[in-house]
Amino acid sequence: MSNPRRARAIAIAKAEDSAKLFRLRLLILTVGATAALLALPAVF
């Protein structure tokens, strides 16, 4: 039988991993947007 505490711990760990991935994606998006803005004057 599954232990409710263990199931809860697994759910929390998955949520934390999801939050880390979200932060990483946001950081990558921010870096990309910054690079695009900095490259803009070089295009024109």
N, C-alpha and C. Protein backbone atom coordinates (compact mmCIF):
# COMPACT_ATOMS: atom_id res chain seq x y z
N MET A 1 0.84 -1.19 0.00
CA MET A 1 0.00 0.00 0.00
C MET A 1 0.89 1.25 0.00
N SER A 2 0.42 2.28 -0.69
CA SER A 2 1.22 3.49 -0.77
C SER A 2 1.03 4.34 0.49
N ASN A 3 2.10 4.92 0.89
CA ASN A 3 2.10 5.75 2.08
C ASN A 3 1.68 7.17 1.69
N PRO A 4 0.67 7.75 2.34
CA PRO A 4 0.24 9.11 1.99
C PRO A 4 1.34 10.16 2.13
N ARG A 5 2.20 9.98 3.13
CA ARG A 5 3.31 10.93 3.31
C ARG A 5 4.27 10.86 2.13
N ARG A 6 4.54 9.63 1.69
CA ARG A 6 5.46 9.45 0.56
C ARG A 6 4.85 10.04 -0.70
N ALA A 7 3.57 9.81 -0.92
CA ALA A 7 2.89 10.36 -2.09
C ALA A 7 2.93 11.88 -2.07
N ARG A 8 2.73 12.45 -0.89
CA ARG A 8 2.77 13.91 -0.76
C ARG A 8 4.18 14.44 -1.03
N ALA A 9 5.18 13.75 -0.51
CA ALA A 9 6.56 14.17 -0.73
C ALA A 9 6.92 14.11 -2.22
N ILE A 10 6.46 13.07 -2.89
CA ILE A 10 6.72 12.95 -4.33
C ILE A 10 6.03 14.09 -5.09
N ALA A 11 4.78 14.39 -4.71
CA ALA A 11 4.05 15.48 -5.37
C ALA A 11 4.76 16.81 -5.16
N ILE A 12 5.26 17.05 -3.96
CA ILE A 12 5.98 18.30 -3.67
C ILE A 12 7.27 18.37 -4.49
N ALA A 13 7.99 17.25 -4.56
CA ALA A 13 9.24 17.22 -5.33
C ALA A 13 8.97 17.51 -6.80
N LYS A 14 7.90 16.94 -7.34
CA LYS A 14 7.55 17.20 -8.74
C LYS A 14 7.20 18.66 -8.95
N ALA A 15 6.47 19.25 -8.02
CA ALA A 15 6.09 20.66 -8.12
C ALA A 15 7.34 21.54 -8.08
N GLU A 16 8.31 21.20 -7.23
CA GLU A 16 9.54 21.98 -7.15
C GLU A 16 10.33 21.87 -8.45
N ASP A 17 10.39 20.67 -9.03
CA ASP A 17 11.07 20.50 -10.31
C ASP A 17 10.39 21.34 -11.39
N SER A 18 9.07 21.35 -11.37
CA SER A 18 8.32 22.13 -12.34
C SER A 18 8.61 23.61 -12.19
N ALA A 19 8.70 24.08 -10.97
CA ALA A 19 9.00 25.49 -10.72
C ALA A 19 10.41 25.83 -11.19
N LYS A 20 11.35 24.91 -10.98
CA LYS A 20 12.73 25.15 -11.44
C LYS A 20 12.77 25.23 -12.95
N LEU A 21 12.07 24.32 -13.63
CA LEU A 21 12.03 24.35 -15.09
C LEU A 21 11.40 25.64 -15.59
N PHE A 22 10.32 26.09 -14.93
CA PHE A 22 9.67 27.32 -15.32
C PHE A 22 10.62 28.50 -15.19
N ARG A 23 11.36 28.55 -14.08
CA ARG A 23 12.32 29.65 -13.88
C ARG A 23 13.43 29.60 -14.94
N LEU A 24 13.88 28.39 -15.26
CA LEU A 24 14.93 28.25 -16.27
C LEU A 24 14.43 28.72 -17.63
N ARG A 25 13.20 28.34 -17.99
CA ARG A 25 12.64 28.79 -19.27
C ARG A 25 12.49 30.30 -19.31
N LEU A 26 12.05 30.88 -18.20
CA LEU A 26 11.89 32.33 -18.12
C LEU A 26 13.24 33.02 -18.28
N LEU A 27 14.27 32.47 -17.65
CA LEU A 27 15.61 33.04 -17.75
C LEU A 27 16.11 32.98 -19.19
N ILE A 28 15.90 31.84 -19.86
CA ILE A 28 16.33 31.69 -21.25
C ILE A 28 15.59 32.68 -22.14
N LEU A 29 14.30 32.82 -21.92
CA LEU A 29 13.50 33.77 -22.69
C LEU A 29 14.01 35.20 -22.48
N THR A 30 14.32 35.55 -21.24
CA THR A 30 14.82 36.89 -20.93
C THR A 30 16.16 37.14 -21.60
N VAL A 31 17.04 36.14 -21.55
CA VAL A 31 18.36 36.29 -22.19
C VAL A 31 18.19 36.47 -23.70
N GLY A 32 17.29 35.69 -24.29
CA GLY A 32 17.04 35.81 -25.73
C GLY A 32 16.48 37.17 -26.11
N ALA A 33 15.54 37.66 -25.32
CA ALA A 33 14.96 38.97 -25.60
C ALA A 33 16.00 40.07 -25.45
N THR A 34 16.84 39.95 -24.43
CA THR A 34 17.89 40.95 -24.22
C THR A 34 18.88 40.95 -25.39
N ALA A 35 19.26 39.76 -25.84
CA ALA A 35 20.19 39.66 -26.96
C ALA A 35 19.56 40.25 -28.23
N ALA A 36 18.28 40.00 -28.43
CA ALA A 36 17.60 40.54 -29.60
C ALA A 36 17.56 42.08 -29.56
N LEU A 37 17.28 42.62 -28.39
CA LEU A 37 17.24 44.08 -28.25
C LEU A 37 18.61 44.71 -28.45
N LEU A 38 19.64 44.03 -27.95
CA LEU A 38 21.00 44.56 -28.12
C LEU A 38 21.47 44.45 -29.57
N ALA A 39 20.98 43.46 -30.29
CA ALA A 39 21.38 43.27 -31.69
C ALA A 39 20.59 44.18 -32.62
N LEU A 40 19.51 44.73 -32.15
CA LEU A 40 18.63 45.56 -32.99
C LEU A 40 19.37 46.74 -33.63
N PRO A 41 20.16 47.52 -32.88
CA PRO A 41 20.86 48.65 -33.53
C PRO A 41 21.86 48.20 -34.60
N ALA A 42 22.40 47.00 -34.47
CA ALA A 42 23.35 46.51 -35.46
C ALA A 42 22.67 46.18 -36.78
N VAL A 43 21.37 45.87 -36.72
CA VAL A 43 20.63 45.53 -37.93
C VAL A 43 20.32 46.79 -38.73
N PHE A 44 20.03 47.86 -38.03
CA PHE A 44 19.63 49.09 -38.74
C PHE A 44 20.76 50.10 -38.86
